[in-house]
Amino acid sequence: LPVEANAIAHAAVIAAKRLGLDVIAVVTGSGGAARLMSEYRPEARIIALTSSEKTFRRLAPYWGVTPVQFPLAATTDELLSMVEHVLRKHDLAQPGDQVVVTAGLPVGSGVSTNTLQLHNMP
């Protein structure tokens, strides 16, 4: 993975720790960003959201990673809405909680993880 993806993974783990956040939501196609975060052994749970069945299966054994399958999004807003839905559905975040979200944007471009957002759950 590119150096940027490793920097984002490390920053996500540090942000979650310093802010006392319980969840890092990683939107990933290949699973690479979730694997990188796993190596840092964060206290926060790593929720790896992927549309790939292969990636979903491959991520299961990684330390601290909970893989979740979800559909492809067409826009960044749709992606964040889907992340919110998944986190609420699995009782991982409630309205008012703050979570770390990482993704490769723009959506659908196939780029490696290049974005970190501190996201407030509506």
C-alpha atoms as a PDB file:
ATOM      1  CA  LEU A   1       0.000   0.000   0.000  1.00  0.00           C
ATOM      2  CA  PRO A   2       1.113   3.593  -0.574  1.00  0.00           C
ATOM      3  CA  VAL A   3       2.819   5.501   2.222  1.00  0.00           C
ATOM      4  CA  GLU A   4      -0.271   7.727   2.447  1.00  0.00           C
ATOM      5  CA  ALA A   5      -2.463   4.756   3.403  1.00  0.00           C
ATOM      6  CA  ASN A   6      -0.075   3.834   6.214  1.00  0.00           C
ATOM      7  CA  ALA A   7      -0.032   7.440   7.429  1.00  0.00           C
ATOM      8  CA  ILE A   8      -3.853   7.551   7.440  1.00  0.00           C
ATOM      9  CA  ALA A   9      -4.033   4.213   9.297  1.00  0.00           C
ATOM     10  CA  HIS A  10      -1.585   5.419  11.944  1.00  0.00           C
ATOM     11  CA  ALA A  11      -3.359   8.772  12.284  1.00  0.00           C
ATOM     12  CA  ALA A  12      -6.729   7.024  12.696  1.00  0.00           C
ATOM     13  CA  VAL A  13      -5.397   4.874  15.536  1.00  0.00           C
ATOM     14  CA  ILE A  14      -3.805   7.878  17.277  1.00  0.00           C
ATOM     15  CA  ALA A  15      -6.962  10.002  16.861  1.00  0.00           C
ATOM     16  CA  ALA A  16      -9.170   7.253  18.297  1.00  0.00           C
ATOM     17  CA  LYS A  17      -6.860   6.826  21.292  1.00  0.00           C
ATOM     18  CA  ARG A  18      -6.419  10.527  22.063  1.00  0.00           C
ATOM     19  CA  LEU A  19     -10.139  11.251  21.691  1.00  0.00           C
ATOM     20  CA  GLY A  20     -11.247   8.107  23.536  1.00  0.00           C
ATOM     21  CA  LEU A  21     -13.262   6.808  20.588  1.00  0.00           C
ATOM     22  CA  ASP A  22     -14.481   3.219  20.452  1.00  0.00           C
ATOM     23  CA  VAL A  23     -14.776   2.680  16.694  1.00  0.00           C
ATOM     24  CA  ILE A  24     -12.627   3.116  13.609  1.00  0.00           C
ATOM     25  CA  ALA A  25     -14.718   2.498  10.479  1.00  0.00           C
ATOM     26  CA  VAL A  26     -12.504   1.547   7.545  1.00  0.00           C
ATOM     27  CA  VAL A  27     -14.092   1.550   4.098  1.00  0.00           C
ATOM     28  CA  THR A  28     -11.861  -0.770   2.091  1.00  0.00           C
ATOM     29  CA  GLY A  29     -11.819  -2.611  -1.189  1.00  0.00           C
ATOM     30  CA  SER A  30      -8.734  -4.744  -0.678  1.00  0.00           C
ATOM     31  CA  GLY A  31      -8.581  -4.777   3.125  1.00  0.00           C
ATOM     32  CA  GLY A  32      -5.121  -3.229   3.158  1.00  0.00           C
ATOM     33  CA  ALA A  33      -5.981  -0.259   5.370  1.00  0.00           C
ATOM     34  CA  ALA A  34      -7.699  -2.476   7.943  1.00  0.00           C
ATOM     35  CA  ARG A  35      -4.676  -4.791   8.019  1.00  0.00           C
ATOM     36  CA  LEU A  36      -2.373  -1.797   8.576  1.00  0.00           C
ATOM     37  CA  MET A  37      -4.524  -0.528  11.455  1.00  0.00           C
ATOM     38  CA  SER A  38      -4.589  -3.992  12.982  1.00  0.00           C
ATOM     39  CA  GLU A  39      -0.793  -3.911  13.211  1.00  0.00           C
ATOM     40  CA  TYR A  40      -1.020  -0.836  15.481  1.00  0.00           C
ATOM     41  CA  ARG A  41      -3.244  -2.781  17.944  1.00  0.00           C
ATOM     42  CA  PRO A  42      -5.678   0.060  18.701  1.00  0.00           C
ATOM     43  CA  GLU A  43      -7.971  -0.007  21.709  1.00  0.00           C
ATOM     44  CA  ALA A  44     -10.823   0.986  19.373  1.00  0.00           C
ATOM     45  CA  ARG A  45     -12.629  -1.667  17.358  1.00  0.00           C
ATOM     46  CA  ILE A  46     -11.757  -1.711  13.676  1.00  0.00           C
ATOM     47  CA  ILE A  47     -14.885  -2.146  11.577  1.00  0.00           C
ATOM     48  CA  ALA A  48     -13.822  -2.975   8.022  1.00  0.00           C
ATOM     49  CA  LEU A  49     -16.628  -2.203   5.592  1.00  0.00           C
ATOM     50  CA  THR A  50     -16.216  -3.790   2.187  1.00  0.00           C
ATOM     51  CA  SER A  51     -18.336  -4.705  -0.803  1.00  0.00           C
ATOM     52  CA  SER A  52     -15.967  -7.559  -1.669  1.00  0.00           C
ATOM     53  CA  GLU A  53     -16.829 -11.079  -0.481  1.00  0.00           C
ATOM     54  CA  LYS A  54     -13.174 -12.070  -0.904  1.00  0.00           C
ATOM     55  CA  THR A  55     -11.944  -9.163   1.243  1.00  0.00           C
ATOM     56  CA  PHE A  56     -14.653  -9.859   3.824  1.00  0.00           C
ATOM     57  CA  ARG A  57     -13.427 -13.449   4.267  1.00  0.00           C
ATOM     58  CA  ARG A  58      -9.749 -12.475   4.215  1.00  0.00           C
ATOM     59  CA  LEU A  59     -10.109  -9.885   7.017  1.00  0.00           C
ATOM     60  CA  ALA A  60     -11.791 -12.127   9.597  1.00  0.00           C
ATOM     61  CA  PRO A  61      -8.578 -13.460  11.218  1.00  0.00           C
ATOM     62  CA  TYR A  62      -6.883 -10.072  11.662  1.00  0.00           C
ATOM     63  CA  TRP A  63      -6.483  -8.786  15.215  1.00  0.00           C
ATOM     64  CA  GLY A  64      -9.236  -6.375  16.269  1.00  0.00           C
ATOM     65  CA  VAL A  65     -10.912  -6.323  12.838  1.00  0.00           C
ATOM     66  CA  THR A  66     -14.631  -6.976  12.419  1.00  0.00           C
ATOM     67  CA  PRO A  67     -15.404  -7.242   8.698  1.00  0.00           C
ATOM     68  CA  VAL A  68     -18.855  -6.158   7.497  1.00  0.00           C
ATOM     69  CA  GLN A  69     -20.133  -6.492   3.949  1.00  0.00           C
ATOM     70  CA  PHE A  70     -22.062  -3.595   2.486  1.00  0.00           C
ATOM     71  CA  PRO A  71     -23.008  -2.355  -0.996  1.00  0.00           C
ATOM     72  CA  LEU A  72     -20.995   0.027  -3.132  1.00  0.00           C
ATOM     73  CA  ALA A  73     -21.816   3.703  -2.713  1.00  0.00           C
ATOM     74  CA  ALA A  74     -22.154   6.167  -5.577  1.00  0.00           C
ATOM     75  CA  THR A  75     -21.232   9.332  -3.663  1.00  0.00           C
ATOM     76  CA  THR A  76     -19.357  10.354  -0.527  1.00  0.00           C
ATOM     77  CA  ASP A  77     -22.625  11.364   1.170  1.00  0.00           C
ATOM     78  CA  GLU A  78     -24.148   7.978   0.356  1.00  0.00           C
ATOM     79  CA  LEU A  79     -21.029   6.251   1.670  1.00  0.00           C
ATOM     80  CA  LEU A  80     -21.181   8.086   5.014  1.00  0.00           C
ATOM     81  CA  SER A  81     -24.899   7.372   5.295  1.00  0.00           C
ATOM     82  CA  MET A  82     -24.241   3.668   4.733  1.00  0.00           C
ATOM     83  CA  VAL A  83     -21.429   3.669   7.311  1.00  0.00           C
ATOM     84  CA  GLU A  84     -23.798   5.286   9.833  1.00  0.00           C
ATOM     85  CA  HIS A  85     -26.464   2.670   9.085  1.00  0.00           C
ATOM     86  CA  VAL A  86     -24.043  -0.253   9.525  1.00  0.00           C
ATOM     87  CA  LEU A  87     -22.645   1.103  12.802  1.00  0.00           C
ATOM     88  CA  ARG A  88     -26.143   1.637  14.234  1.00  0.00           C
ATOM     89  CA  LYS A  89     -27.420  -1.731  12.954  1.00  0.00           C
ATOM     90  CA  HIS A  90     -24.582  -3.574  14.714  1.00  0.00           C
ATOM     91  CA  ASP A  91     -24.906  -1.434  17.888  1.00  0.00           C
ATOM     92  CA  LEU A  92     -21.399  -0.055  17.411  1.00  0.00           C
ATOM     93  CA  ALA A  93     -22.330   3.623  17.574  1.00  0.00           C
ATOM     94  CA  GLN A  94     -25.279   5.667  18.735  1.00  0.00           C
ATOM     95  CA  PRO A  95     -26.505   9.143  17.788  1.00  0.00           C
ATOM     96  CA  GLY A  96     -24.083  11.714  19.189  1.00  0.00           C
ATOM     97  CA  ASP A  97     -21.093   9.352  19.168  1.00  0.00           C
ATOM     98  CA  GLN A  98     -17.973  10.364  17.304  1.00  0.00           C
ATOM     99  CA  VAL A  99     -16.193   7.752  15.175  1.00  0.00           C
ATOM    100  CA  VAL A 100     -13.126   7.734  12.958  1.00  0.00           C
ATOM    101  CA  VAL A 101     -13.904   6.972   9.305  1.00  0.00           C
ATOM    102  CA  THR A 102     -11.231   6.258   6.685  1.00  0.00           C
ATOM    103  CA  ALA A 103     -11.761   5.707   2.968  1.00  0.00           C
ATOM    104  CA  GLY A 104     -10.313   6.163  -0.470  1.00  0.00           C
ATOM    105  CA  LEU A 105     -12.030   9.147  -2.077  1.00  0.00           C
ATOM    106  CA  PRO A 106     -13.512   9.976  -4.488  1.00  0.00           C
ATOM    107  CA  VAL A 107     -15.907   7.048  -4.143  1.00  0.00           C
ATOM    108  CA  GLY A 108     -15.543   4.473  -6.889  1.00  0.00           C
ATOM    109  CA  SER A 109     -12.148   5.717  -8.047  1.00  0.00           C
ATOM    110  CA  GLY A 110     -10.277   2.676  -6.755  1.00  0.00           C
ATOM    111  CA  VAL A 111      -7.701   4.824  -4.966  1.00  0.00           C
ATOM    112  CA  SER A 112      -6.048   3.632  -1.763  1.00  0.00           C
ATOM    113  CA  THR A 113      -7.117   5.082   1.562  1.00  0.00           C
ATOM    114  CA  ASN A 114      -6.458   8.818   1.437  1.00  0.00           C
ATOM    115  CA  THR A 115      -9.062  10.322   3.775  1.00  0.00           C
ATOM    116  CA  LEU A 116      -9.654  10.399   7.521  1.00  0.00           C
ATOM    117  CA  GLN A 117     -12.752  11.985   8.995  1.00  0.00           C
ATOM    118  CA  LEU A 118     -13.844  12.450  12.593  1.00  0.00           C
ATOM    119  CA  HIS A 119     -17.528  11.807  12.034  1.00  0.00           C
ATOM    120  CA  ASN A 120     -20.360  12.699  14.405  1.00  0.00           C
ATOM    121  CA  MET A 121     -23.168  10.158  14.286  1.00  0.00           C
ATOM    122  CA  PRO A 122     -26.521  11.826  13.624  1.00  0.00           C
END
